[in-house]
């Protein structure tokens, strides 16, 4: 309980950032690979035909999302295609209430946060993003198992968010030491 009380101000800030649509793709973290939401928004903004609202209402498998993204011929790497597909399979279709808001506003920040957003919002409160996250190599199961430790149990993330985080992290971590800005090392 004491640990939760200690984290309350941070949990509120994290919730506020995610709720306000603050996007982890901002310039401070541009060195990190883009997450699935950002990749999806880029593809739908730059493609002809079905827009974001049509895509956000679709349900497809990871392989189907990967093939859809590859068909857009946007020059995405295999890792980026897998990142987008992993995110979309877990987070789409969005619920009918969010889809209605998305149709009305066209605001892509209404989509659920992606793995990069979640890592930035949650991993820095207790340890360095660099040593505690960016330099670790794990598969999806390994990343998901980090939530079993007592201090990670308190992180306010749903199972879908934990899976989204794990998929993104397994595909995109570790980063190369040289790719992390010196001010964010250690």
N, C-alpha and C. Protein backbone atom coordinates (compact mmCIF):
# COMPACT_ATOMS: atom_id res chain seq x y z
N UNK A 1 0.82 -1.18 0.00
CA UNK A 1 0.00 0.00 0.00
C UNK A 1 0.87 1.25 0.00
N UNK A 2 1.96 1.20 0.78
CA UNK A 2 2.86 2.35 0.84
C UNK A 2 3.45 2.65 -0.54
N UNK A 3 3.78 1.58 -1.30
CA UNK A 3 4.32 1.79 -2.64
C UNK A 3 3.30 2.47 -3.54
N UNK A 4 2.04 2.07 -3.43
CA UNK A 4 1.00 2.68 -4.25
C UNK A 4 0.82 4.14 -3.88
N UNK A 5 0.81 4.46 -2.59
CA UNK A 5 0.68 5.83 -2.15
C UNK A 5 1.83 6.68 -2.69
N UNK A 6 3.04 6.13 -2.68
CA UNK A 6 4.21 6.83 -3.19
C UNK A 6 4.06 7.14 -4.68
N UNK A 7 3.39 6.26 -5.43
CA UNK A 7 3.27 6.41 -6.87
C UNK A 7 2.05 7.21 -7.30
N UNK A 8 1.13 7.52 -6.40
CA UNK A 8 -0.11 8.19 -6.79
C UNK A 8 0.10 9.45 -7.63
N UNK A 9 1.00 10.35 -7.27
CA UNK A 9 1.16 11.53 -8.13
C UNK A 9 1.62 11.15 -9.54
N UNK A 10 2.46 10.12 -9.65
CA UNK A 10 2.96 9.70 -10.95
C UNK A 10 1.88 9.00 -11.77
N UNK A 11 1.06 8.20 -11.09
CA UNK A 11 -0.01 7.51 -11.79
C UNK A 11 -1.00 8.51 -12.37
N UNK A 12 -1.30 9.55 -11.60
CA UNK A 12 -2.19 10.59 -12.09
C UNK A 12 -1.62 11.30 -13.30
N UNK A 13 -0.33 11.59 -13.27
CA UNK A 13 0.32 12.24 -14.41
C UNK A 13 0.29 11.34 -15.63
N UNK A 14 0.59 10.07 -15.45
CA UNK A 14 0.56 9.14 -16.58
C UNK A 14 -0.83 9.05 -17.18
N UNK A 15 -1.85 8.96 -16.32
CA UNK A 15 -3.23 8.91 -16.82
C UNK A 15 -3.59 10.19 -17.56
N UNK A 16 -3.16 11.32 -17.02
CA UNK A 16 -3.44 12.60 -17.66
C UNK A 16 -2.78 12.68 -19.04
N UNK A 17 -1.53 12.25 -19.14
CA UNK A 17 -0.83 12.29 -20.42
C UNK A 17 -1.50 11.41 -21.44
N UNK A 18 -1.87 10.20 -21.04
CA UNK A 18 -2.53 9.29 -21.98
C UNK A 18 -3.91 9.80 -22.35
N UNK A 19 -4.66 10.29 -21.38
CA UNK A 19 -6.02 10.77 -21.65
C UNK A 19 -6.02 12.02 -22.52
N UNK A 20 -5.01 12.84 -22.38
CA UNK A 20 -4.98 14.09 -23.15
C UNK A 20 -4.49 13.88 -24.57
N UNK A 21 -4.14 12.63 -24.89
CA UNK A 21 -3.69 12.36 -26.25
C UNK A 21 -2.23 12.70 -26.45
N UNK A 22 -1.51 12.99 -25.36
CA UNK A 22 -0.09 13.26 -25.49
C UNK A 22 0.55 12.03 -26.11
N UNK A 23 1.28 12.23 -27.11
CA UNK A 23 1.80 11.15 -27.91
C UNK A 23 3.29 10.96 -27.66
N UNK A 24 3.69 9.74 -27.39
CA UNK A 24 5.09 9.44 -27.11
C UNK A 24 5.99 9.61 -28.33
N UNK A 25 5.42 9.88 -29.46
CA UNK A 25 6.23 10.02 -30.66
C UNK A 25 6.86 11.41 -30.75
N UNK A 26 6.63 12.24 -29.73
CA UNK A 26 7.18 13.58 -29.70
C UNK A 26 8.69 13.56 -29.86
N UNK A 27 9.26 14.71 -30.15
CA UNK A 27 10.67 14.80 -30.51
C UNK A 27 11.63 14.29 -29.44
N UNK A 28 11.33 14.43 -28.17
CA UNK A 28 12.25 13.96 -27.13
C UNK A 28 12.52 12.46 -27.27
N UNK A 29 11.55 11.72 -27.76
CA UNK A 29 11.70 10.27 -27.89
C UNK A 29 11.72 9.81 -29.34
N UNK A 30 12.06 10.71 -30.23
CA UNK A 30 12.09 10.38 -31.66
C UNK A 30 13.12 9.31 -31.98
N UNK A 31 14.10 9.11 -31.10
CA UNK A 31 15.12 8.09 -31.32
C UNK A 31 14.54 6.67 -31.19
N UNK A 32 13.40 6.54 -30.51
CA UNK A 32 12.77 5.23 -30.36
C UNK A 32 11.94 4.93 -31.60
N UNK A 33 11.88 3.66 -32.00
CA UNK A 33 11.05 3.32 -33.17
C UNK A 33 9.59 3.70 -32.92
N UNK A 34 8.88 4.12 -33.96
CA UNK A 34 7.47 4.50 -33.78
C UNK A 34 6.64 3.29 -33.35
N UNK A 35 5.61 3.59 -32.58
CA UNK A 35 4.69 2.55 -32.15
C UNK A 35 3.60 2.31 -33.18
N UNK A 36 2.77 1.32 -32.93
CA UNK A 36 1.73 0.92 -33.87
C UNK A 36 0.72 1.99 -34.19
N UNK A 37 0.33 2.78 -33.18
CA UNK A 37 -0.65 3.85 -33.42
C UNK A 37 -0.08 4.87 -34.40
N UNK A 38 1.14 5.29 -34.17
CA UNK A 38 1.77 6.28 -35.06
C UNK A 38 1.90 5.74 -36.47
N UNK A 39 2.33 4.50 -36.60
CA UNK A 39 2.47 3.90 -37.93
C UNK A 39 1.11 3.82 -38.63
N UNK A 40 0.08 3.44 -37.89
CA UNK A 40 -1.26 3.36 -38.45
C UNK A 40 -1.76 4.73 -38.91
N UNK A 41 -1.53 5.74 -38.08
CA UNK A 41 -1.95 7.10 -38.44
C UNK A 41 -1.21 7.59 -39.68
N UNK A 42 0.07 7.28 -39.78
CA UNK A 42 0.84 7.69 -40.97
C UNK A 42 0.31 7.00 -42.22
N UNK A 43 0.03 5.70 -42.11
CA UNK A 43 -0.48 4.98 -43.29
C UNK A 43 -1.85 5.48 -43.72
N UNK A 44 -2.73 5.72 -42.78
CA UNK A 44 -4.07 6.16 -43.16
C UNK A 44 -4.08 7.60 -43.65
N UNK A 45 -3.16 8.41 -43.16
CA UNK A 45 -3.10 9.81 -43.61
C UNK A 45 -2.54 9.91 -45.02
N UNK A 46 -1.67 8.97 -45.37
CA UNK A 46 -1.00 9.04 -46.67
C UNK A 46 -1.57 8.09 -47.71
N UNK A 47 -2.70 7.47 -47.41
CA UNK A 47 -3.25 6.51 -48.37
C UNK A 47 -4.57 7.01 -48.94
N UNK A 48 -4.86 6.54 -50.11
CA UNK A 48 -6.13 6.86 -50.73
C UNK A 48 -7.14 5.80 -50.32
N UNK A 49 -8.40 6.12 -50.41
CA UNK A 49 -9.44 5.14 -50.09
C UNK A 49 -9.88 5.25 -48.65
N UNK A 50 -10.04 4.10 -48.01
CA UNK A 50 -10.58 4.03 -46.66
C UNK A 50 -9.71 4.80 -45.67
N UNK A 51 -10.32 5.68 -44.91
CA UNK A 51 -9.60 6.50 -43.95
C UNK A 51 -9.49 5.83 -42.59
N UNK A 52 -9.02 6.60 -41.64
CA UNK A 52 -8.79 6.10 -40.29
C UNK A 52 -10.06 5.53 -39.66
N UNK A 53 -11.18 6.18 -39.85
CA UNK A 53 -12.41 5.70 -39.19
C UNK A 53 -12.83 4.34 -39.73
N UNK A 54 -12.64 4.09 -41.01
CA UNK A 54 -12.95 2.77 -41.57
C UNK A 54 -11.99 1.71 -41.07
N UNK A 55 -10.74 2.07 -40.97
CA UNK A 55 -9.72 1.13 -40.50
C UNK A 55 -9.91 0.83 -39.02
N UNK A 56 -10.26 1.84 -38.22
CA UNK A 56 -10.39 1.66 -36.77
C UNK A 56 -11.55 0.74 -36.42
N UNK A 57 -12.48 0.51 -37.34
CA UNK A 57 -13.60 -0.38 -37.09
C UNK A 57 -13.37 -1.81 -37.57
N UNK A 58 -12.19 -2.08 -38.10
CA UNK A 58 -11.88 -3.41 -38.64
C UNK A 58 -11.32 -4.35 -37.58
N UNK A 59 -11.62 -5.63 -37.78
CA UNK A 59 -10.99 -6.68 -36.96
C UNK A 59 -10.29 -7.63 -37.93
N UNK A 60 -8.98 -7.78 -37.75
CA UNK A 60 -8.21 -8.70 -38.57
C UNK A 60 -7.16 -9.36 -37.69
N UNK A 61 -6.58 -10.44 -38.20
CA UNK A 61 -5.49 -11.11 -37.50
C UNK A 61 -4.20 -10.32 -37.68
N UNK A 62 -3.20 -10.69 -36.93
CA UNK A 62 -1.90 -10.02 -37.06
C UNK A 62 -1.37 -10.16 -38.49
N UNK A 63 -1.48 -11.34 -39.07
CA UNK A 63 -1.00 -11.54 -40.44
C UNK A 63 -1.80 -10.70 -41.45
N UNK A 64 -3.10 -10.62 -41.25
CA UNK A 64 -3.93 -9.81 -42.14
C UNK A 64 -3.57 -8.33 -42.02
N UNK A 65 -3.32 -7.84 -40.80
CA UNK A 65 -2.90 -6.44 -40.63
C UNK A 65 -1.54 -6.20 -41.28
N UNK A 66 -0.64 -7.15 -41.13
CA UNK A 66 0.69 -7.00 -41.73
C UNK A 66 0.56 -6.91 -43.26
N UNK A 67 -0.24 -7.80 -43.84
CA UNK A 67 -0.43 -7.79 -45.30
C UNK A 67 -1.11 -6.51 -45.76
N UNK A 68 -2.10 -6.03 -44.99
CA UNK A 68 -2.77 -4.77 -45.33
C UNK A 68 -1.76 -3.62 -45.34
N UNK A 69 -0.94 -3.54 -44.29
CA UNK A 69 0.05 -2.46 -44.19
C UNK A 69 1.08 -2.57 -45.31
N UNK A 70 1.52 -3.78 -45.61
CA UNK A 70 2.50 -3.97 -46.68
C UNK A 70 1.92 -3.58 -48.03
N UNK A 71 0.62 -3.79 -48.22
CA UNK A 71 -0.02 -3.44 -49.50
C UNK A 71 -0.06 -1.94 -49.75
N UNK A 72 0.15 -1.15 -48.72
CA UNK A 72 0.14 0.32 -48.86
C UNK A 72 1.43 0.82 -49.48
N UNK A 73 2.40 -0.07 -49.62
CA UNK A 73 3.67 0.25 -50.28
C UNK A 73 4.29 1.55 -49.75
N UNK A 74 4.34 1.65 -48.41
CA UNK A 74 4.87 2.85 -47.77
C UNK A 74 6.35 2.70 -47.40
N UNK A 75 6.95 1.59 -47.79
CA UNK A 75 8.37 1.39 -47.51
C UNK A 75 8.68 1.07 -46.05
N UNK A 76 7.71 0.52 -45.33
CA UNK A 76 7.95 0.17 -43.93
C UNK A 76 8.84 -1.06 -43.84
N UNK A 77 9.72 -1.07 -42.85
CA UNK A 77 10.57 -2.23 -42.61
C UNK A 77 9.72 -3.38 -42.08
N UNK A 78 10.29 -4.58 -42.08
CA UNK A 78 9.57 -5.74 -41.54
C UNK A 78 9.23 -5.53 -40.07
N UNK A 79 10.14 -4.90 -39.32
CA UNK A 79 9.87 -4.63 -37.91
C UNK A 79 8.72 -3.65 -37.75
N UNK A 80 8.70 -2.61 -38.56
CA UNK A 80 7.60 -1.64 -38.49
C UNK A 80 6.28 -2.29 -38.88
N UNK A 81 6.28 -3.12 -39.90
CA UNK A 81 5.05 -3.83 -40.29
C UNK A 81 4.55 -4.72 -39.15
N UNK A 82 5.49 -5.43 -38.51
CA UNK A 82 5.11 -6.30 -37.39
C UNK A 82 4.62 -5.48 -36.20
N UNK A 83 5.23 -4.32 -35.97
CA UNK A 83 4.81 -3.44 -34.87
C UNK A 83 3.39 -2.95 -35.10
N UNK A 84 3.11 -2.47 -36.29
CA UNK A 84 1.75 -2.01 -36.62
C UNK A 84 0.76 -3.15 -36.51
N UNK A 85 1.09 -4.31 -37.07
CA UNK A 85 0.18 -5.45 -37.05
C UNK A 85 -0.11 -5.94 -35.63
N UNK A 86 0.92 -5.99 -34.79
CA UNK A 86 0.73 -6.41 -33.41
C UNK A 86 -0.17 -5.46 -32.65
N UNK A 87 0.02 -4.18 -32.86
CA UNK A 87 -0.82 -3.16 -32.22
C UNK A 87 -2.27 -3.27 -32.71
N UNK A 88 -2.45 -3.32 -34.02
CA UNK A 88 -3.80 -3.32 -34.60
C UNK A 88 -4.59 -4.56 -34.19
N UNK A 89 -3.95 -5.72 -34.17
CA UNK A 89 -4.66 -6.94 -33.79
C UNK A 89 -5.20 -6.84 -32.37
N UNK A 90 -4.42 -6.26 -31.48
CA UNK A 90 -4.83 -6.15 -30.07
C UNK A 90 -5.81 -5.01 -29.82
N UNK A 91 -5.71 -3.93 -30.54
CA UNK A 91 -6.43 -2.70 -30.20
C UNK A 91 -7.57 -2.31 -31.13
N UNK A 92 -7.70 -3.01 -32.24
CA UNK A 92 -8.77 -2.71 -33.19
C UNK A 92 -9.67 -3.93 -33.34
N UNK A 93 -10.94 -3.76 -33.55
CA UNK A 93 -11.62 -2.48 -33.71
C UNK A 93 -11.76 -1.77 -32.37
N UNK A 94 -11.82 -0.46 -32.44
CA UNK A 94 -12.06 0.32 -31.22
C UNK A 94 -13.53 0.15 -30.85
N UNK A 95 -13.85 0.38 -29.60
CA UNK A 95 -15.23 0.26 -29.15
C UNK A 95 -16.15 1.23 -29.88
N UNK A 96 -17.43 0.94 -29.89
CA UNK A 96 -18.38 1.75 -30.66
C UNK A 96 -18.42 3.20 -30.19
N UNK A 97 -18.26 3.42 -28.87
CA UNK A 97 -18.27 4.81 -28.37
C UNK A 97 -17.05 5.57 -28.89
N UNK A 98 -15.87 4.96 -28.82
CA UNK A 98 -14.66 5.63 -29.33
C UNK A 98 -14.70 5.77 -30.84
N UNK A 99 -15.28 4.78 -31.52
CA UNK A 99 -15.38 4.88 -32.98
C UNK A 99 -16.28 6.05 -33.37
N UNK A 100 -17.37 6.23 -32.64
CA UNK A 100 -18.26 7.37 -32.92
C UNK A 100 -17.53 8.69 -32.71
N UNK A 101 -16.75 8.79 -31.64
CA UNK A 101 -15.97 10.01 -31.37
C UNK A 101 -14.92 10.22 -32.46
N UNK A 102 -14.31 9.11 -32.90
CA UNK A 102 -13.29 9.19 -33.94
C UNK A 102 -13.91 9.65 -35.26
N UNK A 103 -15.08 9.12 -35.59
CA UNK A 103 -15.78 9.52 -36.83
C UNK A 103 -16.10 11.01 -36.76
N UNK A 104 -16.57 11.45 -35.61
CA UNK A 104 -16.97 12.85 -35.44
C UNK A 104 -15.77 13.80 -35.52
N UNK A 105 -14.68 13.42 -34.88
CA UNK A 105 -13.56 14.35 -34.76
C UNK A 105 -12.40 14.08 -35.72
N UNK A 106 -12.22 12.83 -36.12
CA UNK A 106 -11.06 12.47 -36.93
C UNK A 106 -9.76 12.51 -36.15
N UNK A 107 -9.85 12.60 -34.84
CA UNK A 107 -8.68 12.75 -33.96
C UNK A 107 -8.05 11.40 -33.66
N UNK A 108 -6.90 11.13 -34.24
CA UNK A 108 -6.21 9.86 -34.06
C UNK A 108 -5.74 9.60 -32.64
N UNK A 109 -5.67 10.63 -31.81
CA UNK A 109 -5.25 10.42 -30.42
C UNK A 109 -6.33 9.66 -29.63
N UNK A 110 -7.51 9.48 -30.22
CA UNK A 110 -8.56 8.69 -29.57
C UNK A 110 -8.29 7.19 -29.67
N UNK A 111 -7.35 6.81 -30.53
CA UNK A 111 -6.96 5.40 -30.61
C UNK A 111 -6.22 5.04 -29.33
N UNK A 112 -6.26 3.78 -28.93
CA UNK A 112 -5.55 3.37 -27.72
C UNK A 112 -4.04 3.64 -27.84
N UNK A 113 -3.38 3.86 -26.71
CA UNK A 113 -1.93 4.09 -26.75
C UNK A 113 -1.21 2.86 -27.29
N UNK A 114 -0.08 3.10 -27.92
CA UNK A 114 0.72 1.98 -28.43
C UNK A 114 1.84 1.65 -27.45
N UNK A 115 2.65 0.67 -27.80
CA UNK A 115 3.71 0.21 -26.90
C UNK A 115 4.71 1.29 -26.54
N UNK A 116 5.06 2.14 -27.48
CA UNK A 116 5.98 3.23 -27.19
C UNK A 116 5.36 4.21 -26.22
N UNK A 117 4.11 4.58 -26.46
CA UNK A 117 3.40 5.49 -25.55
C UNK A 117 3.39 4.92 -24.13
N UNK A 118 3.07 3.65 -24.02
CA UNK A 118 2.97 3.00 -22.70
C UNK A 118 4.31 2.93 -22.01
N UNK A 119 5.37 2.60 -22.75
CA UNK A 119 6.71 2.53 -22.15
C UNK A 119 7.13 3.88 -21.60
N UNK A 120 6.93 4.91 -22.37
CA UNK A 120 7.34 6.25 -21.93
C UNK A 120 6.48 6.71 -20.76
N UNK A 121 5.21 6.41 -20.78
CA UNK A 121 4.32 6.85 -19.70
C UNK A 121 4.52 6.07 -18.41
N UNK A 122 5.01 4.82 -18.49
CA UNK A 122 5.03 3.99 -17.29
C UNK A 122 6.41 3.59 -16.78
N UNK A 123 7.42 3.55 -17.61
CA UNK A 123 8.70 2.94 -17.20
C UNK A 123 9.66 3.88 -16.48
N UNK A 124 9.42 5.16 -16.51
CA UNK A 124 10.40 6.10 -15.99
C UNK A 124 10.16 6.54 -14.55
N UNK A 125 9.07 6.13 -13.96
CA UNK A 125 8.76 6.59 -12.61
C UNK A 125 9.64 5.94 -11.56
N UNK A 126 10.06 4.72 -11.82
CA UNK A 126 10.83 3.99 -10.80
C UNK A 126 12.27 3.73 -11.20
N UNK A 127 12.56 3.76 -12.47
CA UNK A 127 13.94 3.48 -12.90
C UNK A 127 14.23 4.20 -14.21
N UNK A 128 15.47 4.19 -14.55
CA UNK A 128 15.92 4.83 -15.79
C UNK A 128 15.28 4.14 -16.99
N UNK A 129 14.79 4.91 -17.94
CA UNK A 129 14.26 4.35 -19.17
C UNK A 129 15.37 3.61 -19.90
N UNK A 130 16.58 4.14 -19.83
CA UNK A 130 17.72 3.55 -20.52
C UNK A 130 18.07 2.18 -19.96
N UNK A 131 18.43 2.13 -18.68
CA UNK A 131 18.91 0.87 -18.09
C UNK A 131 17.77 -0.07 -17.74
N UNK A 132 16.59 0.46 -17.48
CA UNK A 132 15.46 -0.38 -17.09
C UNK A 132 14.60 -0.84 -18.25
N UNK A 133 14.81 -0.29 -19.44
CA UNK A 133 13.94 -0.65 -20.56
C UNK A 133 14.67 -0.72 -21.90
N UNK A 134 15.26 0.36 -22.33
CA UNK A 134 15.79 0.46 -23.68
C UNK A 134 16.89 -0.55 -24.01
N UNK A 135 17.61 -1.02 -23.02
CA UNK A 135 18.74 -1.92 -23.26
C UNK A 135 18.41 -3.39 -23.00
N UNK A 136 17.15 -3.71 -22.77
CA UNK A 136 16.76 -5.09 -22.48
C UNK A 136 16.27 -5.81 -23.72
N UNK A 137 16.68 -7.06 -23.85
CA UNK A 137 16.22 -7.90 -24.95
C UNK A 137 15.42 -9.06 -24.37
N UNK A 138 14.14 -9.08 -24.72
CA UNK A 138 13.25 -10.14 -24.26
C UNK A 138 12.26 -10.45 -25.38
N UNK A 139 11.70 -11.65 -25.33
CA UNK A 139 10.60 -11.95 -26.25
C UNK A 139 9.30 -11.46 -25.61
N UNK A 140 8.17 -11.67 -26.29
CA UNK A 140 6.89 -11.20 -25.75
C UNK A 140 6.60 -11.76 -24.37
N UNK A 141 6.85 -13.04 -24.19
CA UNK A 141 6.60 -13.68 -22.91
C UNK A 141 7.49 -13.06 -21.83
N UNK A 142 8.73 -12.80 -22.18
CA UNK A 142 9.65 -12.19 -21.22
C UNK A 142 9.21 -10.79 -20.81
N UNK A 143 8.78 -9.99 -21.78
CA UNK A 143 8.30 -8.65 -21.45
C UNK A 143 7.02 -8.72 -20.64
N UNK A 144 6.13 -9.63 -20.99
CA UNK A 144 4.88 -9.77 -20.25
C UNK A 144 5.15 -10.22 -18.81
N UNK A 145 6.16 -11.04 -18.63
CA UNK A 145 6.47 -11.54 -17.27
C UNK A 145 6.98 -10.44 -16.35
N UNK A 146 7.44 -9.32 -16.90
CA UNK A 146 7.89 -8.24 -16.02
C UNK A 146 6.75 -7.71 -15.16
N UNK A 147 5.52 -7.90 -15.61
CA UNK A 147 4.36 -7.42 -14.85
C UNK A 147 4.01 -8.33 -13.67
N UNK A 148 4.74 -9.42 -13.50
CA UNK A 148 4.50 -10.32 -12.37
C UNK A 148 5.26 -9.90 -11.12
N UNK A 149 6.25 -9.04 -11.28
CA UNK A 149 7.01 -8.61 -10.11
C UNK A 149 6.13 -7.67 -9.27
N UNK A 150 6.29 -7.73 -7.95
CA UNK A 150 5.40 -6.95 -7.07
C UNK A 150 5.34 -5.46 -7.40
N UNK A 151 6.46 -4.85 -7.74
CA UNK A 151 6.46 -3.41 -8.00
C UNK A 151 5.85 -3.07 -9.35
N UNK A 152 5.74 -4.04 -10.27
CA UNK A 152 5.09 -3.79 -11.55
C UNK A 152 3.60 -4.12 -11.52
N UNK A 153 3.17 -4.89 -10.53
CA UNK A 153 1.74 -5.22 -10.42
C UNK A 153 0.88 -3.98 -10.27
N UNK A 154 1.46 -2.93 -9.69
CA UNK A 154 0.72 -1.70 -9.41
C UNK A 154 0.57 -0.78 -10.62
N UNK A 155 1.26 -1.09 -11.70
CA UNK A 155 1.19 -0.23 -12.88
C UNK A 155 -0.23 -0.28 -13.44
N UNK A 156 -0.86 0.88 -13.60
CA UNK A 156 -2.26 0.91 -14.03
C UNK A 156 -2.41 0.70 -15.54
N UNK A 157 -2.28 -0.56 -15.94
CA UNK A 157 -2.44 -0.92 -17.35
C UNK A 157 -3.37 -2.13 -17.44
N UNK A 158 -4.22 -2.12 -18.46
CA UNK A 158 -5.10 -3.26 -18.71
C UNK A 158 -4.27 -4.40 -19.32
N UNK A 159 -4.88 -5.57 -19.42
CA UNK A 159 -4.18 -6.70 -20.04
C UNK A 159 -3.86 -6.41 -21.51
N UNK A 160 -4.77 -5.75 -22.21
CA UNK A 160 -4.51 -5.40 -23.61
C UNK A 160 -3.34 -4.43 -23.69
N UNK A 161 -3.27 -3.46 -22.79
CA UNK A 161 -2.14 -2.53 -22.78
C UNK A 161 -0.84 -3.26 -22.47
N UNK A 162 -0.86 -4.20 -21.55
CA UNK A 162 0.35 -4.97 -21.22
C UNK A 162 0.79 -5.80 -22.43
N UNK A 163 -0.17 -6.40 -23.12
CA UNK A 163 0.17 -7.16 -24.33
C UNK A 163 0.71 -6.23 -25.42
N UNK A 164 0.12 -5.06 -25.57
CA UNK A 164 0.58 -4.08 -26.56
C UNK A 164 2.01 -3.66 -26.25
N UNK A 165 2.28 -3.37 -24.99
CA UNK A 165 3.63 -3.01 -24.54
C UNK A 165 4.60 -4.16 -24.84
N UNK A 166 4.22 -5.38 -24.51
CA UNK A 166 5.10 -6.54 -24.69
C UNK A 166 5.43 -6.78 -26.17
N UNK A 167 4.44 -6.66 -27.03
CA UNK A 167 4.69 -6.87 -28.46
C UNK A 167 5.62 -5.80 -29.02
N UNK A 168 5.33 -4.56 -28.70
CA UNK A 168 6.20 -3.47 -29.18
C UNK A 168 7.63 -3.69 -28.68
N UNK A 169 7.77 -3.98 -27.41
CA UNK A 169 9.09 -4.10 -26.80
C UNK A 169 9.88 -5.28 -27.35
N UNK A 170 9.20 -6.41 -27.56
CA UNK A 170 9.88 -7.59 -28.10
C UNK A 170 10.42 -7.33 -29.51
N UNK A 171 9.69 -6.54 -30.28
CA UNK A 171 10.11 -6.23 -31.64
C UNK A 171 11.17 -5.14 -31.73
N UNK A 172 11.12 -4.18 -30.83
CA UNK A 172 11.91 -2.96 -30.99
C UNK A 172 13.03 -2.75 -29.97
N UNK A 173 13.13 -3.59 -28.96
CA UNK A 173 14.18 -3.47 -27.96
C UNK A 173 15.09 -4.68 -28.07
N UNK A 174 16.35 -4.57 -27.74
CA UNK A 174 17.02 -3.38 -27.22
C UNK A 174 17.42 -2.44 -28.35
N UNK A 175 17.61 -1.20 -27.98
CA UNK A 175 18.18 -0.24 -28.91
C UNK A 175 19.69 -0.33 -28.85
N UNK A 176 20.33 0.20 -29.86
CA UNK A 176 21.79 0.29 -29.81
C UNK A 176 22.17 1.46 -28.90
N UNK A 177 23.21 1.26 -28.15
CA UNK A 177 23.69 2.29 -27.22
C UNK A 177 23.84 3.63 -27.92
N UNK A 178 24.41 3.63 -29.11
CA UNK A 178 24.68 4.86 -29.85
C UNK A 178 23.40 5.58 -30.28
N UNK A 179 22.30 4.87 -30.36
CA UNK A 179 21.05 5.47 -30.83
C UNK A 179 20.30 6.23 -29.73
N UNK A 180 20.71 6.04 -28.49
CA UNK A 180 20.06 6.72 -27.37
C UNK A 180 20.81 8.03 -27.10
N UNK A 181 20.11 9.15 -27.05
CA UNK A 181 20.78 10.43 -26.78
C UNK A 181 21.55 10.36 -25.46
N UNK A 182 22.75 10.94 -25.43
CA UNK A 182 23.58 10.87 -24.20
C UNK A 182 22.86 11.34 -22.94
N UNK A 183 21.99 12.33 -23.05
CA UNK A 183 21.31 12.84 -21.86
C UNK A 183 20.29 11.84 -21.30
N UNK A 184 19.93 10.81 -22.07
CA UNK A 184 18.98 9.83 -21.58
C UNK A 184 19.64 8.50 -21.21
N UNK A 185 20.97 8.46 -21.24
CA UNK A 185 21.68 7.23 -20.86
C UNK A 185 21.88 7.22 -19.35
N UNK A 186 21.61 6.10 -18.77
CA UNK A 186 21.79 5.82 -17.33
C UNK A 186 20.97 6.68 -16.48
